[in-house]
Amino acid sequence: MTEFNTKKIQERIYQNKIDKGFNTTDIPKEFCYLYSEVAEAFEAFRKGESNFGEELADVAIFLLGIAEIKNIDLGSEVLRKMEIIEKRRYYRSKTGNLIKLHDKNEQL
């Protein structure tokens, strides 16, 4: 199995953008592309298409690309956020929905 080092992958994605002449400055444009890839992934899922995993990979590539453009180590951010999420407490409402209990000490 190949190791998934997010920072190295971000750098590789960014370098591919440079090499191919893709956008590396217009963040709103990148979010539009990301949104489009999420829609494609949803359609592949909804239709039970075999390329669902590939479509999810496209979503990750655009997300990691945005992180690299903005010089954010997304892997570190995900790990930091997971520590916060794992400590959260929830209760189930009368309608069955999970509701987060707000903790005054929670910091992002």
C-alpha atoms as a PDB file:
ATOM      1  CA  MET A   1       0.000   0.000   0.000  1.00  0.00           C
ATOM      2  CA  THR A   2       1.258   3.460  -0.873  1.00  0.00           C
ATOM      3  CA  GLU A   3       1.697   5.987   1.927  1.00  0.00           C
ATOM      4  CA  PHE A   4      -0.622   8.987   1.671  1.00  0.00           C
ATOM      5  CA  ASN A   5       1.467  12.016   2.617  1.00  0.00           C
ATOM      6  CA  THR A   6      -0.912  14.905   2.060  1.00  0.00           C
ATOM      7  CA  LYS A   7       1.750  17.612   1.936  1.00  0.00           C
ATOM      8  CA  LYS A   8       3.746  15.763  -0.738  1.00  0.00           C
ATOM      9  CA  ILE A   9       0.577  15.112  -2.725  1.00  0.00           C
ATOM     10  CA  GLN A  10      -0.414  18.775  -2.434  1.00  0.00           C
ATOM     11  CA  GLU A  11       2.993  19.768  -3.807  1.00  0.00           C
ATOM     12  CA  ARG A  12       2.639  17.250  -6.653  1.00  0.00           C
ATOM     13  CA  ILE A  13      -0.842  18.558  -7.514  1.00  0.00           C
ATOM     14  CA  TYR A  14       0.431  22.140  -7.505  1.00  0.00           C
ATOM     15  CA  GLN A  15       3.424  21.244  -9.669  1.00  0.00           C
ATOM     16  CA  ASN A  16       1.101  19.558 -12.160  1.00  0.00           C
ATOM     17  CA  LYS A  17      -0.958  22.753 -12.292  1.00  0.00           C
ATOM     18  CA  ILE A  18       2.208  24.738 -13.046  1.00  0.00           C
ATOM     19  CA  ASP A  19       3.449  22.213 -15.624  1.00  0.00           C
ATOM     20  CA  LYS A  20       0.115  22.140 -17.479  1.00  0.00           C
ATOM     21  CA  GLY A  21      -0.625  25.866 -17.187  1.00  0.00           C
ATOM     22  CA  PHE A  22      -3.685  25.427 -14.982  1.00  0.00           C
ATOM     23  CA  ASN A  23      -4.984  28.081 -12.597  1.00  0.00           C
ATOM     24  CA  THR A  24      -2.924  28.661  -9.436  1.00  0.00           C
ATOM     25  CA  THR A  25      -4.196  32.056  -8.315  1.00  0.00           C
ATOM     26  CA  ASP A  26      -7.985  32.334  -8.671  1.00  0.00           C
ATOM     27  CA  ILE A  27      -9.361  30.615  -5.555  1.00  0.00           C
ATOM     28  CA  PRO A  28     -13.058  31.280  -6.347  1.00  0.00           C
ATOM     29  CA  LYS A  29     -12.510  29.588  -9.719  1.00  0.00           C
ATOM     30  CA  GLU A  30     -10.939  26.585  -7.963  1.00  0.00           C
ATOM     31  CA  PHE A  31     -13.966  26.349  -5.658  1.00  0.00           C
ATOM     32  CA  CYS A  32     -16.223  26.303  -8.720  1.00  0.00           C
ATOM     33  CA  TYR A  33     -14.186  23.416 -10.141  1.00  0.00           C
ATOM     34  CA  LEU A  34     -14.331  21.649  -6.767  1.00  0.00           C
ATOM     35  CA  TYR A  35     -18.102  22.076  -6.650  1.00  0.00           C
ATOM     36  CA  SER A  36     -18.359  20.621 -10.150  1.00  0.00           C
ATOM     37  CA  GLU A  37     -16.286  17.598  -9.135  1.00  0.00           C
ATOM     38  CA  VAL A  38     -18.472  17.017  -6.062  1.00  0.00           C
ATOM     39  CA  ALA A  39     -21.534  17.062  -8.335  1.00  0.00           C
ATOM     40  CA  GLU A  40     -19.894  14.551 -10.683  1.00  0.00           C
ATOM     41  CA  ALA A  41     -19.047  12.293  -7.744  1.00  0.00           C
ATOM     42  CA  PHE A  42     -22.622  12.474  -6.500  1.00  0.00           C
ATOM     43  CA  GLU A  43     -23.979  11.570  -9.928  1.00  0.00           C
ATOM     44  CA  ALA A  44     -21.591   8.603 -10.174  1.00  0.00           C
ATOM     45  CA  PHE A  45     -22.770   7.448  -6.731  1.00  0.00           C
ATOM     46  CA  ARG A  46     -26.434   8.013  -7.509  1.00  0.00           C
ATOM     47  CA  LYS A  47     -26.208   6.049 -10.745  1.00  0.00           C
ATOM     48  CA  GLY A  48     -24.068   3.290  -9.234  1.00  0.00           C
ATOM     49  CA  GLU A  49     -21.288   3.939 -11.730  1.00  0.00           C
ATOM     50  CA  SER A  50     -17.982   2.124 -11.397  1.00  0.00           C
ATOM     51  CA  ASN A  51     -16.000   5.396 -11.594  1.00  0.00           C
ATOM     52  CA  PHE A  52     -17.285   6.669  -8.236  1.00  0.00           C
ATOM     53  CA  GLY A  53     -13.844   6.255  -6.610  1.00  0.00           C
ATOM     54  CA  GLU A  54     -12.178   8.150  -9.434  1.00  0.00           C
ATOM     55  CA  GLU A  55     -14.680  10.968  -9.055  1.00  0.00           C
ATOM     56  CA  LEU A  56     -13.968  11.126  -5.303  1.00  0.00           C
ATOM     57  CA  ALA A  57     -10.265  11.317  -6.171  1.00  0.00           C
ATOM     58  CA  ASP A  58     -10.995  14.336  -8.396  1.00  0.00           C
ATOM     59  CA  VAL A  59     -12.709  16.024  -5.429  1.00  0.00           C
ATOM     60  CA  ALA A  60      -9.665  15.340  -3.234  1.00  0.00           C
ATOM     61  CA  ILE A  61      -7.277  16.606  -5.924  1.00  0.00           C
ATOM     62  CA  PHE A  62      -9.063  19.944  -6.221  1.00  0.00           C
ATOM     63  CA  LEU A  63      -9.361  20.296  -2.435  1.00  0.00           C
ATOM     64  CA  LEU A  64      -5.677  19.487  -1.898  1.00  0.00           C
ATOM     65  CA  GLY A  65      -4.779  21.856  -4.728  1.00  0.00           C
ATOM     66  CA  ILE A  66      -6.617  24.720  -3.050  1.00  0.00           C
ATOM     67  CA  ALA A  67      -4.852  23.917   0.214  1.00  0.00           C
ATOM     68  CA  GLU A  68      -1.449  24.035  -1.497  1.00  0.00           C
ATOM     69  CA  ILE A  69      -2.243  27.288  -3.296  1.00  0.00           C
ATOM     70  CA  LYS A  70      -3.086  28.789   0.109  1.00  0.00           C
ATOM     71  CA  ASN A  71      -0.038  27.136   1.767  1.00  0.00           C
ATOM     72  CA  ILE A  72      -2.145  25.065   4.168  1.00  0.00           C
ATOM     73  CA  ASP A  73      -1.028  21.588   5.193  1.00  0.00           C
ATOM     74  CA  LEU A  74      -4.439  19.980   4.883  1.00  0.00           C
ATOM     75  CA  GLY A  75      -3.329  16.714   6.495  1.00  0.00           C
ATOM     76  CA  SER A  76      -2.302  18.540   9.650  1.00  0.00           C
ATOM     77  CA  GLU A  77      -5.535  20.526   9.635  1.00  0.00           C
ATOM     78  CA  VAL A  78      -7.615  17.350   9.280  1.00  0.00           C
ATOM     79  CA  LEU A  79      -5.801  15.707  12.197  1.00  0.00           C
ATOM     80  CA  ARG A  80      -6.223  18.818  14.357  1.00  0.00           C
ATOM     81  CA  LYS A  81      -9.916  19.049  13.513  1.00  0.00           C
ATOM     82  CA  MET A  82     -10.471  15.324  14.188  1.00  0.00           C
ATOM     83  CA  GLU A  83      -9.164  15.820  17.722  1.00  0.00           C
ATOM     84  CA  ILE A  84     -11.827  18.475  18.224  1.00  0.00           C
ATOM     85  CA  ILE A  85     -14.611  16.456  16.591  1.00  0.00           C
ATOM     86  CA  GLU A  86     -13.838  13.302  18.551  1.00  0.00           C
ATOM     87  CA  LYS A  87     -14.347  15.198  21.818  1.00  0.00           C
ATOM     88  CA  ARG A  88     -17.728  16.610  20.823  1.00  0.00           C
ATOM     89  CA  ARG A  89     -20.879  15.376  22.459  1.00  0.00           C
ATOM     90  CA  TYR A  90     -24.251  15.031  20.785  1.00  0.00           C
ATOM     91  CA  TYR A  91     -27.802  14.255  21.768  1.00  0.00           C
ATOM     92  CA  ARG A  92     -30.631  12.918  19.652  1.00  0.00           C
ATOM     93  CA  SER A  93     -33.609  15.250  19.198  1.00  0.00           C
ATOM     94  CA  LYS A  94     -37.219  14.106  19.342  1.00  0.00           C
ATOM     95  CA  THR A  95     -37.171  13.898  15.539  1.00  0.00           C
ATOM     96  CA  GLY A  96     -34.112  11.633  15.586  1.00  0.00           C
ATOM     97  CA  ASN A  97     -31.523  14.191  14.463  1.00  0.00           C
ATOM     98  CA  LEU A  98     -28.155  14.426  16.178  1.00  0.00           C
ATOM     99  CA  ILE A  99     -27.597  17.841  17.755  1.00  0.00           C
ATOM    100  CA  LYS A 100     -24.163  19.003  18.859  1.00  0.00           C
ATOM    101  CA  LEU A 101     -23.869  20.118  22.458  1.00  0.00           C
ATOM    102  CA  HIS A 102     -21.960  23.388  22.484  1.00  0.00           C
ATOM    103  CA  ASP A 103     -18.860  23.441  24.647  1.00  0.00           C
ATOM    104  CA  LYS A 104     -17.567  26.852  25.711  1.00  0.00           C
ATOM    105  CA  ASN A 105     -14.032  25.392  25.809  1.00  0.00           C
ATOM    106  CA  GLU A 106     -14.059  24.167  22.210  1.00  0.00           C
ATOM    107  CA  GLN A 107     -11.519  26.073  20.171  1.00  0.00           C
ATOM    108  CA  LEU A 108     -10.601  25.763  16.525  1.00  0.00           C
END
